[in-house]
């Protein structure tokens, strides 16, 4: 019951974080001159997203969302 109530908000936050990361990726300097450079940047962003999800889903650490009472 609790999961079904909180899951939509978690999904919303994940999508917001993903959009933020995509925006950050789009704003990277144009000197990503190879596929390797682009993949490295992308993997870094994926790692940040993974870490955020671990905090939220595994440890219940919502420090990235201190003002959002629904996340708590």
N, C-alpha and C. Protein backbone atom coordinates (compact mmCIF):
# COMPACT_ATOMS: atom_id res chain seq x y z
N UNK A 1 0.82 -1.19 0.00
CA UNK A 1 0.00 0.00 0.00
C UNK A 1 0.87 1.27 0.00
N UNK A 2 1.88 1.25 0.87
CA UNK A 2 2.78 2.40 0.96
C UNK A 2 3.53 2.58 -0.35
N UNK A 3 3.98 1.48 -0.92
CA UNK A 3 4.72 1.56 -2.19
C UNK A 3 3.84 2.13 -3.28
N UNK A 4 2.60 1.67 -3.35
CA UNK A 4 1.70 2.17 -4.40
C UNK A 4 1.40 3.66 -4.23
N UNK A 5 1.46 4.15 -3.01
CA UNK A 5 1.23 5.58 -2.76
C UNK A 5 2.45 6.42 -3.11
N UNK A 6 3.64 5.91 -2.81
CA UNK A 6 4.85 6.70 -3.00
C UNK A 6 5.51 6.49 -4.35
N UNK A 7 5.23 5.40 -5.03
CA UNK A 7 5.88 5.10 -6.30
C UNK A 7 5.67 6.19 -7.35
N UNK A 8 4.46 6.73 -7.54
CA UNK A 8 4.31 7.79 -8.54
C UNK A 8 5.20 9.00 -8.27
N UNK A 9 5.35 9.37 -7.02
CA UNK A 9 6.21 10.51 -6.68
C UNK A 9 7.67 10.17 -6.93
N UNK A 10 8.07 8.96 -6.61
CA UNK A 10 9.44 8.53 -6.87
C UNK A 10 9.72 8.55 -8.36
N UNK A 11 8.78 8.04 -9.15
CA UNK A 11 8.93 8.05 -10.61
C UNK A 11 9.04 9.48 -11.12
N UNK A 12 8.23 10.37 -10.56
CA UNK A 12 8.29 11.78 -10.96
C UNK A 12 9.67 12.36 -10.68
N UNK A 13 10.20 12.08 -9.50
CA UNK A 13 11.52 12.59 -9.13
C UNK A 13 12.61 12.00 -10.02
N UNK A 14 12.49 10.72 -10.34
CA UNK A 14 13.46 10.08 -11.24
C UNK A 14 13.42 10.75 -12.60
N UNK A 15 12.23 10.99 -13.11
CA UNK A 15 12.09 11.63 -14.42
C UNK A 15 12.64 13.05 -14.39
N UNK A 16 12.42 13.77 -13.30
CA UNK A 16 12.96 15.11 -13.17
C UNK A 16 14.49 15.07 -13.16
N UNK A 17 15.04 14.13 -12.41
CA UNK A 17 16.50 13.98 -12.34
C UNK A 17 17.06 13.59 -13.70
N UNK A 18 16.36 12.70 -14.39
CA UNK A 18 16.79 12.29 -15.73
C UNK A 18 16.78 13.48 -16.68
N UNK A 19 15.71 14.27 -16.64
CA UNK A 19 15.63 15.45 -17.50
C UNK A 19 16.75 16.44 -17.17
N UNK A 20 17.04 16.59 -15.89
CA UNK A 20 18.14 17.47 -15.47
C UNK A 20 19.47 16.95 -16.00
N UNK A 21 19.67 15.65 -15.92
CA UNK A 21 20.92 15.06 -16.41
C UNK A 21 21.02 15.14 -17.92
N UNK A 22 19.92 14.96 -18.61
CA UNK A 22 19.92 15.10 -20.07
C UNK A 22 20.26 16.53 -20.44
N UNK A 23 19.68 17.48 -19.71
CA UNK A 23 19.97 18.89 -19.94
C UNK A 23 21.45 19.18 -19.70
N UNK A 24 21.98 18.62 -18.64
CA UNK A 24 23.40 18.79 -18.34
C UNK A 24 24.26 18.19 -19.45
N UNK A 25 23.88 17.03 -19.94
CA UNK A 25 24.60 16.39 -21.04
C UNK A 25 24.57 17.27 -22.29
N UNK A 26 23.42 17.86 -22.57
CA UNK A 26 23.30 18.72 -23.74
C UNK A 26 24.13 19.99 -23.62
N UNK A 27 24.40 20.39 -22.38
CA UNK A 27 25.17 21.61 -22.15
C UNK A 27 26.67 21.37 -22.01
N UNK A 28 27.09 20.14 -22.20
CA UNK A 28 28.52 19.86 -22.14
C UNK A 28 29.23 20.55 -23.29
N UNK A 29 30.48 20.86 -23.10
CA UNK A 29 31.23 21.52 -24.17
C UNK A 29 31.23 20.70 -25.45
N UNK A 30 31.36 21.41 -26.56
CA UNK A 30 31.33 20.77 -27.87
C UNK A 30 32.60 19.97 -28.16
N UNK A 31 33.56 19.96 -27.26
CA UNK A 31 34.80 19.25 -27.52
C UNK A 31 34.70 17.74 -27.28
N UNK A 32 33.49 17.24 -27.16
CA UNK A 32 33.31 15.79 -27.12
C UNK A 32 33.46 15.30 -28.57
N UNK A 33 34.68 15.08 -28.94
CA UNK A 33 34.98 14.85 -30.35
C UNK A 33 34.95 13.39 -30.75
N UNK A 34 34.69 12.51 -29.80
CA UNK A 34 34.65 11.09 -30.15
C UNK A 34 33.52 10.40 -29.41
N UNK A 35 33.20 9.24 -29.88
CA UNK A 35 32.17 8.43 -29.23
C UNK A 35 32.63 8.06 -27.82
N UNK A 36 33.91 7.84 -27.65
CA UNK A 36 34.45 7.50 -26.34
C UNK A 36 34.22 8.64 -25.35
N UNK A 37 34.48 9.88 -25.78
CA UNK A 37 34.25 11.04 -24.91
C UNK A 37 32.77 11.15 -24.53
N UNK A 38 31.91 10.98 -25.50
CA UNK A 38 30.47 11.08 -25.26
C UNK A 38 30.01 9.96 -24.33
N UNK A 39 30.48 8.75 -24.55
CA UNK A 39 30.08 7.63 -23.69
C UNK A 39 30.61 7.81 -22.27
N UNK A 40 31.79 8.36 -22.14
CA UNK A 40 32.35 8.61 -20.80
C UNK A 40 31.47 9.61 -20.05
N UNK A 41 31.09 10.68 -20.70
CA UNK A 41 30.22 11.68 -20.07
C UNK A 41 28.87 11.06 -19.73
N UNK A 42 28.32 10.28 -20.64
CA UNK A 42 27.03 9.64 -20.41
C UNK A 42 27.10 8.66 -19.24
N UNK A 43 28.16 7.88 -19.18
CA UNK A 43 28.31 6.92 -18.08
C UNK A 43 28.46 7.64 -16.74
N UNK A 44 29.10 8.79 -16.76
CA UNK A 44 29.21 9.58 -15.53
C UNK A 44 27.82 10.02 -15.05
N UNK A 45 27.02 10.50 -15.96
CA UNK A 45 25.67 10.94 -15.61
C UNK A 45 24.83 9.75 -15.13
N UNK A 46 24.95 8.62 -15.79
CA UNK A 46 24.24 7.42 -15.35
C UNK A 46 24.68 7.02 -13.94
N UNK A 47 25.95 7.14 -13.67
CA UNK A 47 26.45 6.82 -12.33
C UNK A 47 25.85 7.73 -11.27
N UNK A 48 25.74 9.01 -11.58
CA UNK A 48 25.12 9.94 -10.63
C UNK A 48 23.66 9.58 -10.39
N UNK A 49 22.97 9.21 -11.45
CA UNK A 49 21.56 8.80 -11.31
C UNK A 49 21.46 7.52 -10.49
N UNK A 50 22.34 6.57 -10.76
CA UNK A 50 22.35 5.32 -10.00
C UNK A 50 22.57 5.59 -8.51
N UNK A 51 23.52 6.46 -8.21
CA UNK A 51 23.80 6.78 -6.81
C UNK A 51 22.59 7.42 -6.14
N UNK A 52 21.91 8.29 -6.86
CA UNK A 52 20.72 8.94 -6.32
C UNK A 52 19.63 7.90 -6.04
N UNK A 53 19.42 6.99 -6.97
CA UNK A 53 18.42 5.93 -6.79
C UNK A 53 18.79 5.03 -5.62
N UNK A 54 20.06 4.70 -5.47
CA UNK A 54 20.49 3.87 -4.35
C UNK A 54 20.14 4.55 -3.03
N UNK A 55 20.44 5.84 -2.96
CA UNK A 55 20.14 6.58 -1.74
C UNK A 55 18.66 6.53 -1.42
N UNK A 56 17.84 6.76 -2.42
CA UNK A 56 16.40 6.83 -2.20
C UNK A 56 15.81 5.46 -1.92
N UNK A 57 16.09 4.50 -2.78
CA UNK A 57 15.41 3.22 -2.72
C UNK A 57 16.00 2.24 -1.72
N UNK A 58 17.30 2.25 -1.53
CA UNK A 58 17.92 1.26 -0.65
C UNK A 58 18.13 1.76 0.77
N UNK A 59 18.52 3.00 0.92
CA UNK A 59 18.82 3.49 2.27
C UNK A 59 17.77 4.46 2.80
N UNK A 60 16.85 4.90 1.95
CA UNK A 60 15.84 5.83 2.40
C UNK A 60 16.38 7.22 2.66
N UNK A 61 17.49 7.55 2.04
CA UNK A 61 18.13 8.85 2.22
C UNK A 61 17.58 9.83 1.18
N UNK A 62 16.81 10.79 1.65
CA UNK A 62 16.15 11.74 0.77
C UNK A 62 16.77 13.13 0.86
N UNK A 63 18.06 13.20 1.16
CA UNK A 63 18.71 14.49 1.36
C UNK A 63 18.66 15.38 0.12
N UNK A 64 18.50 14.76 -1.07
CA UNK A 64 18.40 15.57 -2.29
C UNK A 64 17.06 16.28 -2.39
N UNK A 65 16.11 15.86 -1.57
CA UNK A 65 14.75 16.42 -1.61
C UNK A 65 14.30 16.83 -0.22
N UNK A 66 15.04 17.71 0.45
CA UNK A 66 14.70 18.04 1.84
C UNK A 66 13.36 18.72 2.01
N UNK A 67 12.90 19.44 1.00
CA UNK A 67 11.64 20.19 1.13
C UNK A 67 10.43 19.38 0.71
N UNK A 68 10.63 18.22 0.12
CA UNK A 68 9.52 17.44 -0.40
C UNK A 68 9.05 16.42 0.64
N UNK A 69 7.99 16.75 1.35
CA UNK A 69 7.49 15.90 2.43
C UNK A 69 6.94 14.57 1.93
N UNK A 70 6.47 14.52 0.67
CA UNK A 70 5.94 13.28 0.13
C UNK A 70 7.04 12.23 -0.05
N UNK A 71 8.25 12.67 -0.26
CA UNK A 71 9.35 11.73 -0.43
C UNK A 71 9.74 11.10 0.90
N UNK A 72 9.33 11.71 2.02
CA UNK A 72 9.72 11.21 3.33
C UNK A 72 8.64 10.33 3.89
